Amino acid sequence: MFAVYASEPNPENPLDALTVGERPDPEVPSGWVKVAVKAASLNMHDIWTLRGVGIKPDQFPMILGCDGAGVLEDGTEVVLHSVINAPGWQGDDTLDPKRTLLTEKYQGTFADYVVVPARNAVPKPAGLSFAEAATMGTAWLTAYRMLFVKSGLRPGQTMLVQGASGGVSTALIQLGRAAGLRVWVTGRSEEKRALAEQLGAHQTFESGARLPERVDGVFETVGKATWGHSLKSLKPGGIVVVSGSTSGPDPSADLQRVFFLQLRVVGSTMGTRDELEDMLRYLDLTGIKPQIGKELPLSEAAEGFRLMQEGETAGKVVFTR
């Protein structure tokens, strides 16, 4: 079958390990299902896989792609839940110490077919296209959990999203606006800030800018480059929810500020299958459509990877079959 895969780990030049070609058709274990992939979206996780982060060397070659949407053999249209739990695990999917994502142990979605546990194939709402549905499993589910499960923010409060154009950030803007929060966003360029306003941000600011007032919650995926600004932007007792660190994982903790102002720092990773179902219903009820920055055929995946690596995305990059 046709696939886009990492042939080997390449920490220095990850795109050099990106390969487009043929891979064996997948076998379907008992309790798993085969999905004909119609669309799949790109995540920063795929760049890390090319670098060899979070994956053992003997797992290569690895078909890339954590997210996707497609059709089961009986014709059912589905969205894929990317978190695969250990057999018999009970409880929050994301807290399973033996959990894995597609592309870490199991082959991913950038191919004609992918196989997943039956519970990981969630019915696709008719109101979402395959390309839109393909953005749900990682970026949108991460944003949904950050906002509605972890933050504790209420309608009428103010949230700050660090970064204006990535997949999680654009999802947070749309989800927050629809939920009745005042949404503020930082962005590095006028174009990125304009996109945030188009998606529903009430105000946008240059990265690191002093805000008109402190906020109730900050949503972090950037890490080292924005962490100091995030903490300084919070009201006493405020919360920062962090799900990524694309600019580096080791900022100054600024512990005096944390304890003196009683700030809360909460980590968030992906989301559960139930949360994915809830989010899909929420989008169906509100009519929210994810921001797709670029849609390309899977055969042109290298261009999508280049856009992501160079930070030229304006929403999700989606590959279609």
C-alpha atoms as a PDB file:
ATOM      1  CA  MET A   1       0.000   0.000   0.000  1.00  0.00           C
ATOM      2  CA  PHE A   2       1.053   3.629  -0.501  1.00  0.00           C
ATOM      3  CA  ALA A   3       2.455   5.285   2.643  1.00  0.00           C
ATOM      4  CA  VAL A   4       4.530   8.159   4.003  1.00  0.00           C
ATOM      5  CA  TYR A   5       6.968   6.917   6.607  1.00  0.00           C
ATOM      6  CA  ALA A   6      10.117   7.560   8.616  1.00  0.00           C
ATOM      7  CA  SER A   7      12.815   5.280   7.254  1.00  0.00           C
ATOM      8  CA  GLU A   8      15.161   5.897  10.188  1.00  0.00           C
ATOM      9  CA  PRO A   9      15.701   8.408  13.002  1.00  0.00           C
ATOM     10  CA  ASN A  10      17.485  11.596  11.959  1.00  0.00           C
ATOM     11  CA  PRO A  11      17.867  14.015  14.891  1.00  0.00           C
ATOM     12  CA  GLU A  12      19.705  16.716  12.922  1.00  0.00           C
ATOM     13  CA  ASN A  13      17.833  16.708   9.593  1.00  0.00           C
ATOM     14  CA  PRO A  14      14.477  15.039  10.255  1.00  0.00           C
ATOM     15  CA  LEU A  15      12.987  15.660   6.826  1.00  0.00           C
ATOM     16  CA  ASP A  16      15.820  13.662   5.269  1.00  0.00           C
ATOM     17  CA  ALA A  17      14.270  10.572   6.895  1.00  0.00           C
ATOM     18  CA  LEU A  18      10.864  11.230   5.325  1.00  0.00           C
ATOM     19  CA  THR A  19      10.101   8.582   2.702  1.00  0.00           C
ATOM     20  CA  VAL A  20       7.192   8.223   0.266  1.00  0.00           C
ATOM     21  CA  GLY A  21       6.598   4.762  -1.148  1.00  0.00           C
ATOM     22  CA  GLU A  22       5.141   1.328  -0.680  1.00  0.00           C
ATOM     23  CA  ARG A  23       4.708  -0.525   2.618  1.00  0.00           C
ATOM     24  CA  PRO A  24       3.119  -3.921   3.360  1.00  0.00           C
ATOM     25  CA  ASP A  25      -0.636  -4.024   3.870  1.00  0.00           C
ATOM     26  CA  PRO A  26      -1.416  -4.201   7.604  1.00  0.00           C
ATOM     27  CA  GLU A  27      -2.538  -7.351   9.366  1.00  0.00           C
ATOM     28  CA  VAL A  28      -5.648  -7.025  11.542  1.00  0.00           C
ATOM     29  CA  PRO A  29      -5.277  -8.517  15.054  1.00  0.00           C
ATOM     30  CA  SER A  30      -8.305  -9.841  16.905  1.00  0.00           C
ATOM     31  CA  GLY A  31     -10.318  -6.968  18.368  1.00  0.00           C
ATOM     32  CA  TRP A  32      -8.864  -4.466  15.910  1.00  0.00           C
ATOM     33  CA  VAL A  33     -10.371  -2.957  12.739  1.00  0.00           C
ATOM     34  CA  LYS A  34      -9.013  -1.912   9.380  1.00  0.00           C
ATOM     35  CA  VAL A  35      -9.738   1.651   8.292  1.00  0.00           C
ATOM     36  CA  ALA A  36      -9.432   2.948   4.729  1.00  0.00           C
ATOM     37  CA  VAL A  37      -7.907   6.372   5.375  1.00  0.00           C
ATOM     38  CA  LYS A  38      -9.616   9.276   3.619  1.00  0.00           C
ATOM     39  CA  ALA A  39      -7.758  12.115   5.349  1.00  0.00           C
ATOM     40  CA  ALA A  40      -5.015  12.471   7.968  1.00  0.00           C
ATOM     41  CA  SER A  41      -3.556  15.535   9.661  1.00  0.00           C
ATOM     42  CA  LEU A  42       0.010  16.490  10.463  1.00  0.00           C
ATOM     43  CA  ASN A  43       1.217  17.121  14.026  1.00  0.00           C
ATOM     44  CA  MET A  44       4.496  18.254  15.523  1.00  0.00           C
ATOM     45  CA  HIS A  45       4.650  14.740  16.952  1.00  0.00           C
ATOM     46  CA  ASP A  46       5.433  13.540  13.409  1.00  0.00           C
ATOM     47  CA  ILE A  47       8.514  15.779  13.268  1.00  0.00           C
ATOM     48  CA  TRP A  48       9.646  14.354  16.607  1.00  0.00           C
ATOM     49  CA  THR A  49       9.167  10.836  15.277  1.00  0.00           C
ATOM     50  CA  LEU A  50      11.442  11.655  12.339  1.00  0.00           C
ATOM     51  CA  ARG A  51      14.011  12.855  14.893  1.00  0.00           C
ATOM     52  CA  GLY A  52      13.693   9.565  16.780  1.00  0.00           C
ATOM     53  CA  VAL A  53      12.074  11.052  19.897  1.00  0.00           C
ATOM     54  CA  GLY A  54       9.582   8.825  21.743  1.00  0.00           C
ATOM     55  CA  ILE A  55      10.197   5.823  19.520  1.00  0.00           C
ATOM     56  CA  LYS A  56      12.660   2.954  19.800  1.00  0.00           C
ATOM     57  CA  PRO A  57      15.190   2.493  16.967  1.00  0.00           C
ATOM     58  CA  ASP A  58      13.894  -0.995  16.203  1.00  0.00           C
ATOM     59  CA  GLN A  59      10.428   0.456  15.471  1.00  0.00           C
ATOM     60  CA  PHE A  60      11.630   1.934  12.161  1.00  0.00           C
ATOM     61  CA  PRO A  61      10.480   2.099   9.438  1.00  0.00           C
ATOM     62  CA  MET A  62       7.376   3.739  10.929  1.00  0.00           C
ATOM     63  CA  ILE A  63       4.390   5.023   8.977  1.00  0.00           C
ATOM     64  CA  LEU A  64       3.717   8.532  10.250  1.00  0.00           C
ATOM     65  CA  GLY A  65       0.424  10.151  11.238  1.00  0.00           C
ATOM     66  CA  CYS A  66      -1.303  10.159  14.642  1.00  0.00           C
ATOM     67  CA  ASP A  67      -4.656  11.399  13.349  1.00  0.00           C
ATOM     68  CA  GLY A  68      -7.079  10.373  10.685  1.00  0.00           C
ATOM     69  CA  ALA A  69     -10.590   9.754   9.480  1.00  0.00           C
ATOM     70  CA  GLY A  70     -11.823   7.097   7.135  1.00  0.00           C
ATOM     71  CA  VAL A  71     -14.177   4.220   6.453  1.00  0.00           C
ATOM     72  CA  LEU A  72     -14.502   0.789   8.041  1.00  0.00           C
ATOM     73  CA  GLU A  73     -14.944  -2.283   5.888  1.00  0.00           C
ATOM     74  CA  ASP A  74     -18.720  -2.168   6.537  1.00  0.00           C
ATOM     75  CA  GLY A  75     -18.901   1.431   5.271  1.00  0.00           C
ATOM     76  CA  THR A  76     -19.075   3.186   8.663  1.00  0.00           C
ATOM     77  CA  GLU A  77     -17.364   6.601   8.616  1.00  0.00           C
ATOM     78  CA  VAL A  78     -15.071   7.052  11.611  1.00  0.00           C
ATOM     79  CA  VAL A  79     -12.700   9.417  13.393  1.00  0.00           C
ATOM     80  CA  LEU A  80      -9.636   7.837  14.964  1.00  0.00           C
ATOM     81  CA  HIS A  81      -8.776   8.140  18.659  1.00  0.00           C
ATOM     82  CA  SER A  82      -4.990   8.163  18.736  1.00  0.00           C
ATOM     83  CA  VAL A  83      -4.372   6.930  22.302  1.00  0.00           C
ATOM     84  CA  ILE A  84      -3.984   3.143  22.401  1.00  0.00           C
ATOM     85  CA  ASN A  85      -4.205   1.629  25.865  1.00  0.00           C
ATOM     86  CA  ALA A  86      -2.694  -1.538  27.266  1.00  0.00           C
ATOM     87  CA  PRO A  87      -5.095  -4.511  27.181  1.00  0.00           C
ATOM     88  CA  GLY A  88      -7.387  -4.469  30.195  1.00  0.00           C
ATOM     89  CA  TRP A  89      -6.661  -0.871  31.202  1.00  0.00           C
ATOM     90  CA  GLN A  90      -9.513   0.776  33.122  1.00  0.00           C
ATOM     91  CA  GLY A  91      -9.799   4.497  33.751  1.00  0.00           C
ATOM     92  CA  ASP A  92      -8.567   7.692  32.086  1.00  0.00           C
ATOM     93  CA  ASP A  93      -6.964   6.698  28.771  1.00  0.00           C
ATOM     94  CA  THR A  94      -4.223   9.309  29.197  1.00  0.00           C
ATOM     95  CA  LEU A  95      -3.080   8.046  32.621  1.00  0.00           C
ATOM     96  CA  ASP A  96      -2.294   4.502  31.490  1.00  0.00           C
ATOM     97  CA  PRO A  97       1.486   4.178  32.059  1.00  0.00           C
ATOM     98  CA  LYS A  98       1.655   1.725  29.154  1.00  0.00           C
ATOM     99  CA  ARG A  99      -0.403   3.828  26.741  1.00  0.00           C
ATOM    100  CA  THR A 100       1.022   4.647  23.359  1.00  0.00           C
ATOM    101  CA  LEU A 101       0.097   6.808  20.392  1.00  0.00           C
ATOM    102  CA  LEU A 102      -0.078   5.762  16.802  1.00  0.00           C
ATOM    103  CA  THR A 103       3.457   6.077  15.331  1.00  0.00           C
ATOM    104  CA  GLU A 104       5.158   5.281  18.659  1.00  0.00           C
ATOM    105  CA  LYS A 105       4.566   1.522  18.578  1.00  0.00           C
ATOM    106  CA  TYR A 106       1.866   0.996  15.963  1.00  0.00           C
ATOM    107  CA  GLN A 107       1.924   2.159  12.348  1.00  0.00           C
ATOM    108  CA  GLY A 108       0.219   5.488  11.637  1.00  0.00           C
ATOM    109  CA  THR A 109      -2.387   7.012   9.355  1.00  0.00           C
ATOM    110  CA  PHE A 110      -0.356   8.392   6.448  1.00  0.00           C
ATOM    111  CA  ALA A 111      -1.212   5.381   4.312  1.00  0.00           C
ATOM    112  CA  ASP A 112      -4.007   3.745   2.369  1.00  0.00           C
ATOM    113  CA  TYR A 113      -4.976   1.753   5.475  1.00  0.00           C
ATOM    114  CA  VAL A 114      -4.429   1.813   9.226  1.00  0.00           C
ATOM    115  CA  VAL A 115      -5.467  -0.715  11.876  1.00  0.00           C
ATOM    116  CA  VAL A 116      -6.599   0.329  15.363  1.00  0.00           C
ATOM    117  CA  PRO A 117      -8.422  -1.252  18.306  1.00  0.00           C
ATOM    118  CA  ALA A 118     -12.159  -1.296  17.594  1.00  0.00           C
ATOM    119  CA  ARG A 119     -12.850   1.190  20.438  1.00  0.00           C
ATOM    120  CA  ASN A 120     -10.502   3.694  18.765  1.00  0.00           C
ATOM    121  CA  ALA A 121     -12.755   4.035  15.719  1.00  0.00           C
ATOM    122  CA  VAL A 122     -15.355   6.642  16.750  1.00  0.00           C
ATOM    123  CA  PRO A 123     -18.373   7.411  14.525  1.00  0.00           C
ATOM    124  CA  LYS A 124     -17.825  10.557  12.445  1.00  0.00           C
ATOM    125  CA  PRO A 125     -20.529  13.240  12.579  1.00  0.00           C
ATOM    126  CA  ALA A 126     -22.128  13.824   9.188  1.00  0.00           C
ATOM    127  CA  GLY A 127     -21.497  17.558   9.545  1.00  0.00           C
ATOM    128  CA  LEU A 128     -17.718  17.167   9.407  1.00  0.00           C
ATOM    129  CA  SER A 129     -15.863  16.418   6.204  1.00  0.00           C
ATOM    130  CA  PHE A 130     -13.146  13.771   6.300  1.00  0.00           C
ATOM    131  CA  ALA A 131     -10.500  16.513   6.184  1.00  0.00           C
ATOM    132  CA  GLU A 132     -12.113  18.336   9.111  1.00  0.00           C
ATOM    133  CA  ALA A 133     -12.592  15.127  11.087  1.00  0.00           C
ATOM    134  CA  ALA A 134      -8.943  14.213  10.564  1.00  0.00           C
ATOM    135  CA  THR A 135      -7.873  17.152  12.757  1.00  0.00           C
ATOM    136  CA  MET A 136      -9.831  15.990  15.802  1.00  0.00           C
ATOM    137  CA  GLY A 137      -7.799  13.215  17.440  1.00  0.00           C
ATOM    138  CA  THR A 138      -4.709  15.104  18.606  1.00  0.00           C
ATOM    139  CA  ALA A 139      -4.831  18.909  18.265  1.00  0.00           C
ATOM    140  CA  TRP A 140      -8.546  19.443  18.862  1.00  0.00           C
ATOM    141  CA  LEU A 141      -8.865  16.803  21.545  1.00  0.00           C
ATOM    142  CA  THR A 142      -5.826  18.268  23.317  1.00  0.00           C
ATOM    143  CA  ALA A 143      -7.401  21.730  23.223  1.00  0.00           C
ATOM    144  CA  TYR A 144     -10.787  20.435  24.417  1.00  0.00           C
ATOM    145  CA  ARG A 145      -9.238  18.676  27.416  1.00  0.00           C
ATOM    146  CA  MET A 146      -7.089  21.701  28.295  1.00  0.00           C
ATOM    147  CA  LEU A 147     -10.056  24.041  28.306  1.00  0.00           C
ATOM    148  CA  PHE A 148     -13.008  21.993  29.522  1.00  0.00           C
ATOM    149  CA  VAL A 149     -11.405  19.285  31.678  1.00  0.00           C
ATOM    150  CA  LYS A 150      -8.276  20.878  33.125  1.00  0.00           C
ATOM    151  CA  SER A 151      -8.645  24.660  33.318  1.00  0.00           C
ATOM    152  CA  GLY A 152     -11.816  25.113  35.375  1.00  0.00           C
ATOM    153  CA  LEU A 153     -12.485  28.419  33.593  1.00  0.00           C
ATOM    154  CA  ARG A 154     -16.064  29.669  33.374  1.00  0.00           C
ATOM    155  CA  PRO A 155     -17.923  31.637  30.705  1.00  0.00           C
ATOM    156  CA  GLY A 156     -17.170  35.339  31.135  1.00  0.00           C
ATOM    157  CA  GLN A 157     -13.597  34.810  32.303  1.00  0.00           C
ATOM    158  CA  THR A 158     -10.529  35.714  30.259  1.00  0.00           C
ATOM    159  CA  MET A 159      -8.171  33.206  28.666  1.00  0.00           C
ATOM    160  CA  LEU A 160      -4.840  33.833  26.948  1.00  0.00           C
ATOM    161  CA  VAL A 161      -3.632  31.527  24.173  1.00  0.00           C
ATOM    162  CA  GLN A 162       0.112  31.664  23.552  1.00  0.00           C
ATOM    163  CA  GLY A 163       0.648  31.336  19.809  1.00  0.00           C
ATOM    164  CA  ALA A 164      -1.926  32.201  17.193  1.00  0.00           C
ATOM    165  CA  SER A 165      -1.702  29.738  14.337  1.00  0.00           C
ATOM    166  CA  GLY A 166      -0.899  26.173  15.435  1.00  0.00           C
ATOM    167  CA  GLY A 167      -3.454  23.389  15.510  1.00  0.00           C
ATOM    168  CA  VAL A 168      -4.010  23.392  19.292  1.00  0.00           C
ATOM    169  CA  SER A 169      -4.020  27.197  19.449  1.00  0.00           C
ATOM    170  CA  THR A 170      -6.585  27.666  16.694  1.00  0.00           C
ATOM    171  CA  ALA A 171      -8.781  25.020  18.321  1.00  0.00           C
ATOM    172  CA  LEU A 172      -8.543  26.765  21.697  1.00  0.00           C
ATOM    173  CA  ILE A 173      -9.588  30.070  20.131  1.00  0.00           C
ATOM    174  CA  GLN A 174     -12.679  28.575  18.506  1.00  0.00           C
ATOM    175  CA  LEU A 175     -13.657  26.455  21.502  1.00  0.00           C
ATOM    176  CA  GLY A 176     -13.191  29.307  23.966  1.00  0.00           C
ATOM    177  CA  ARG A 177     -15.160  31.788  21.905  1.00  0.00           C
ATOM    178  CA  ALA A 178     -18.049  29.363  21.488  1.00  0.00           C
ATOM    179  CA  ALA A 179     -18.050  28.673  25.238  1.00  0.00           C
ATOM    180  CA  GLY A 180     -18.449  32.334  26.174  1.00  0.00           C
ATOM    181  CA  LEU A 181     -14.934  33.127  27.353  1.00  0.00           C
ATOM    182  CA  ARG A 182     -13.065  36.313  26.482  1.00  0.00           C
ATOM    183  CA  VAL A 183     -10.256  35.076  24.250  1.00  0.00           C
ATOM    184  CA  TRP A 184      -6.916  36.876  24.024  1.00  0.00           C
ATOM    185  CA  VAL A 185      -4.119  35.584  21.812  1.00  0.00           C
ATOM    186  CA  THR A 186      -0.453  36.345  21.216  1.00  0.00           C
ATOM    187  CA  GLY A 187       1.165  35.943  17.802  1.00  0.00           C
ATOM    188  CA  ARG A 188       4.534  36.634  16.213  1.00  0.00           C
ATOM    189  CA  SER A 189       3.220  38.296  13.049  1.00  0.00           C
ATOM    190  CA  GLU A 190       0.355  40.445  11.867  1.00  0.00           C
ATOM    191  CA  GLU A 191      -0.816  37.593   9.645  1.00  0.00           C
ATOM    192  CA  LYS A 192      -0.986  35.132  12.534  1.00  0.00           C
ATOM    193  CA  ARG A 193      -2.794  37.638  14.754  1.00  0.00           C
ATOM    194  CA  ALA A 194      -5.254  38.401  11.957  1.00  0.00           C
ATOM    195  CA  LEU A 195      -6.001  34.680  11.660  1.00  0.00           C
ATOM    196  CA  ALA A 196      -6.694  34.501  15.401  1.00  0.00           C
ATOM    197  CA  GLU A 197      -9.143  37.402  15.148  1.00  0.00           C
ATOM    198  CA  GLN A 198     -10.813  35.763  12.157  1.00  0.00           C
ATOM    199  CA  LEU A 199     -11.330  32.628  14.257  1.00  0.00           C
ATOM    200  CA  GLY A 200     -12.925  34.540  17.120  1.00  0.00           C
ATOM    201  CA  ALA A 201     -10.215  36.079  19.322  1.00  0.00           C
ATOM    202  CA  HIS A 202     -11.493  39.225  21.038  1.00  0.00           C
ATOM    203  CA  GLN A 203      -8.022  40.805  21.105  1.00  0.00           C
ATOM    204  CA  THR A 204      -4.562  39.874  19.865  1.00  0.00           C
ATOM    205  CA  PHE A 205      -1.135  41.022  20.975  1.00  0.00           C
ATOM    206  CA  GLU A 206       2.470  40.728  19.887  1.00  0.00           C
ATOM    207  CA  SER A 207       4.385  37.925  21.601  1.00  0.00           C
ATOM    208  CA  GLY A 208       5.514  39.056  25.045  1.00  0.00           C
ATOM    209  CA  ALA A 209       3.414  42.245  25.020  1.00  0.00           C
ATOM    210  CA  ARG A 210       2.075  43.691  28.249  1.00  0.00           C
ATOM    211  CA  LEU A 211      -1.637  42.927  28.471  1.00  0.00           C
ATOM    212  CA  PRO A 212      -4.336  45.447  29.440  1.00  0.00           C
ATOM    213  CA  GLU A 213      -5.061  43.349  32.535  1.00  0.00           C
ATOM    214  CA  ARG A 214      -4.171  39.974  33.958  1.00  0.00           C
ATOM    215  CA  VAL A 215      -6.076  36.903  32.836  1.00  0.00           C
ATOM    216  CA  ASP A 216      -7.752  33.968  34.578  1.00  0.00           C
ATOM    217  CA  GLY A 217      -6.002  31.272  32.583  1.00  0.00           C
ATOM    218  CA  VAL A 218      -3.172  30.814  30.088  1.00  0.00           C
ATOM    219  CA  PHE A 219      -2.897  27.987  27.581  1.00  0.00           C
ATOM    220  CA  GLU A 220       0.676  26.986  26.796  1.00  0.00           C
ATOM    221  CA  THR A 221       2.073  24.892  23.974  1.00  0.00           C
ATOM    222  CA  VAL A 222       5.167  27.004  23.227  1.00  0.00           C
ATOM    223  CA  GLY A 223       7.224  26.482  26.379  1.00  0.00           C
ATOM    224  CA  LYS A 224      10.494  28.248  27.085  1.00  0.00           C
ATOM    225  CA  ALA A 225       9.970  31.241  24.783  1.00  0.00           C
ATOM    226  CA  THR A 226       6.638  32.278  26.340  1.00  0.00           C
ATOM    227  CA  TRP A 227       6.667  30.777  29.850  1.00  0.00           C
ATOM    228  CA  GLY A 228       7.796  33.913  31.673  1.00  0.00           C
ATOM    229  CA  HIS A 229       5.124  35.979  29.939  1.00  0.00           C
ATOM    230  CA  SER A 230       2.495  33.366  30.762  1.00  0.00           C
ATOM    231  CA  LEU A 231       3.184  33.500  34.488  1.00  0.00           C
ATOM    232  CA  LYS A 232       3.368  37.305  34.545  1.00  0.00           C
ATOM    233  CA  SER A 233       0.020  37.495  32.730  1.00  0.00           C
ATOM    234  CA  LEU A 234      -1.943  35.548  35.369  1.00  0.00           C
ATOM    235  CA  LYS A 235      -4.158  36.956  38.088  1.00  0.00           C
ATOM    236  CA  PRO A 236      -3.432  35.793  41.647  1.00  0.00           C
ATOM    237  CA  GLY A 237      -4.812  32.262  41.862  1.00  0.00           C
ATOM    238  CA  GLY A 238      -4.805  31.897  38.081  1.00  0.00           C
ATOM    239  CA  ILE A 239      -3.966  28.757  36.138  1.00  0.00           C
ATOM    240  CA  VAL A 240      -1.626  27.911  33.288  1.00  0.00           C
ATOM    241  CA  VAL A 241      -2.443  24.708  31.410  1.00  0.00           C
ATOM    242  CA  VAL A 242       0.490  23.325  29.453  1.00  0.00           C
ATOM    243  CA  SER A 243       0.366  20.597  26.817  1.00  0.00           C
ATOM    244  CA  GLY A 244       3.548  21.255  24.847  1.00  0.00           C
ATOM    245  CA  SER A 245       6.925  22.944  24.736  1.00  0.00           C
ATOM    246  CA  THR A 246       7.853  23.448  21.095  1.00  0.00           C
ATOM    247  CA  SER A 247      10.450  26.128  21.918  1.00  0.00           C
ATOM    248  CA  GLY A 248      12.068  24.134  24.729  1.00  0.00           C
ATOM    249  CA  PRO A 249      11.029  22.340  27.936  1.00  0.00           C
ATOM    250  CA  ASP A 250      13.282  24.088  30.474  1.00  0.00           C
ATOM    251  CA  PRO A 251      12.244  27.688  31.264  1.00  0.00           C
ATOM    252  CA  SER A 252      12.822  29.344  34.611  1.00  0.00           C
ATOM    253  CA  ALA A 253      10.122  28.060  36.932  1.00  0.00           C
ATOM    254  CA  ASP A 254       9.803  31.483  38.637  1.00  0.00           C
ATOM    255  CA  LEU A 255       8.787  29.682  41.815  1.00  0.00           C
ATOM    256  CA  GLN A 256       8.517  32.849  43.908  1.00  0.00           C
ATOM    257  CA  ARG A 257       5.794  34.140  41.625  1.00  0.00           C
ATOM    258  CA  VAL A 258       4.086  30.731  41.619  1.00  0.00           C
ATOM    259  CA  PHE A 259       3.836  30.403  45.398  1.00  0.00           C
ATOM    260  CA  PHE A 260       3.390  34.076  46.289  1.00  0.00           C
ATOM    261  CA  LEU A 261       0.476  34.530  43.851  1.00  0.00           C
ATOM    262  CA  GLN A 262      -0.749  30.954  44.425  1.00  0.00           C
ATOM    263  CA  LEU A 263      -0.653  30.184  40.729  1.00  0.00           C
ATOM    264  CA  ARG A 264      -1.583  26.728  39.469  1.00  0.00           C
ATOM    265  CA  VAL A 265       0.447  24.911  36.826  1.00  0.00           C
ATOM    266  CA  VAL A 266      -1.423  21.965  35.297  1.00  0.00           C
ATOM    267  CA  GLY A 267      -0.217  19.517  32.689  1.00  0.00           C
ATOM    268  CA  SER A 268      -2.522  18.096  30.035  1.00  0.00           C
ATOM    269  CA  THR A 269      -1.919  15.363  27.485  1.00  0.00           C
ATOM    270  CA  MET A 270      -4.258  14.393  24.651  1.00  0.00           C
ATOM    271  CA  GLY A 271      -7.689  13.238  25.892  1.00  0.00           C
ATOM    272  CA  THR A 272      -9.917  10.231  26.383  1.00  0.00           C
ATOM    273  CA  ARG A 273     -12.207   8.459  23.956  1.00  0.00           C
ATOM    274  CA  ASP A 274     -15.237   9.759  25.892  1.00  0.00           C
ATOM    275  CA  GLU A 275     -13.886  13.312  25.624  1.00  0.00           C
ATOM    276  CA  LEU A 276     -13.434  12.845  21.882  1.00  0.00           C
ATOM    277  CA  GLU A 277     -17.070  11.771  21.557  1.00  0.00           C
ATOM    278  CA  ASP A 278     -18.201  14.726  23.696  1.00  0.00           C
ATOM    279  CA  MET A 279     -16.142  17.130  21.601  1.00  0.00           C
ATOM    280  CA  LEU A 280     -17.554  15.798  18.340  1.00  0.00           C
ATOM    281  CA  ARG A 281     -21.074  16.355  19.702  1.00  0.00           C
ATOM    282  CA  TYR A 282     -20.069  19.861  20.857  1.00  0.00           C
ATOM    283  CA  LEU A 283     -18.837  20.762  17.376  1.00  0.00           C
ATOM    284  CA  ASP A 284     -21.992  19.323  15.866  1.00  0.00           C
ATOM    285  CA  LEU A 285     -24.156  21.415  18.213  1.00  0.00           C
ATOM    286  CA  THR A 286     -22.218  24.653  17.760  1.00  0.00           C
ATOM    287  CA  GLY A 287     -21.374  24.341  14.074  1.00  0.00           C
ATOM    288  CA  ILE A 288     -17.674  24.959  14.733  1.00  0.00           C
ATOM    289  CA  LYS A 289     -15.408  23.976  11.839  1.00  0.00           C
ATOM    290  CA  PRO A 290     -11.681  23.439  12.369  1.00  0.00           C
ATOM    291  CA  GLN A 291      -9.245  25.777  10.674  1.00  0.00           C
ATOM    292  CA  ILE A 292      -7.390  23.933   7.909  1.00  0.00           C
ATOM    293  CA  GLY A 293      -4.350  25.890   6.832  1.00  0.00           C
ATOM    294  CA  LYS A 294      -3.285  23.629   3.976  1.00  0.00           C
ATOM    295  CA  GLU A 295      -4.824  20.595   2.317  1.00  0.00           C
ATOM    296  CA  LEU A 296      -2.516  18.466   0.185  1.00  0.00           C
ATOM    297  CA  PRO A 297      -2.600  15.035  -1.415  1.00  0.00           C
ATOM    298  CA  LEU A 298      -0.656  12.509   0.627  1.00  0.00           C
ATOM    299  CA  SER A 299       1.830  12.178  -2.239  1.00  0.00           C
ATOM    300  CA  GLU A 300       2.896  15.801  -1.508  1.00  0.00           C
ATOM    301  CA  ALA A 301       3.420  15.217   2.205  1.00  0.00           C
ATOM    302  CA  ALA A 302       6.975  16.598   2.110  1.00  0.00           C
ATOM    303  CA  GLU A 303       5.590  20.087   1.438  1.00  0.00           C
ATOM    304  CA  GLY A 304       3.315  19.864   4.464  1.00  0.00           C
ATOM    305  CA  PHE A 305       6.214  18.778   6.678  1.00  0.00           C
ATOM    306  CA  ARG A 306       8.290  21.689   5.401  1.00  0.00           C
ATOM    307  CA  LEU A 307       5.527  24.168   6.243  1.00  0.00           C
ATOM    308  CA  MET A 308       5.248  22.805   9.774  1.00  0.00           C
ATOM    309  CA  GLN A 309       8.987  22.727  10.409  1.00  0.00           C
ATOM    310  CA  GLU A 310       9.352  26.333   9.237  1.00  0.00           C
ATOM    311  CA  GLY A 311       6.356  27.542  11.263  1.00  0.00           C
ATOM    312  CA  GLU A 312       4.389  28.600   8.195  1.00  0.00           C
ATOM    313  CA  THR A 313       1.138  26.899   9.198  1.00  0.00           C
ATOM    314  CA  ALA A 314      -2.130  28.784   9.595  1.00  0.00           C
ATOM    315  CA  GLY A 315      -4.178  26.009  11.136  1.00  0.00           C
ATOM    316  CA  LYS A 316      -3.906  22.297  10.485  1.00  0.00           C
ATOM    317  CA  VAL A 317      -2.072  20.675   7.580  1.00  0.00           C
ATOM    318  CA  VAL A 318      -4.225  17.860   6.217  1.00  0.00           C
ATOM    319  CA  PHE A 319      -3.331  15.128   3.722  1.00  0.00           C
ATOM    320  CA  THR A 320      -6.091  13.531   1.674  1.00  0.00           C
ATOM    321  CA  ARG A 321      -6.423  10.321  -0.325  1.00  0.00           C
END
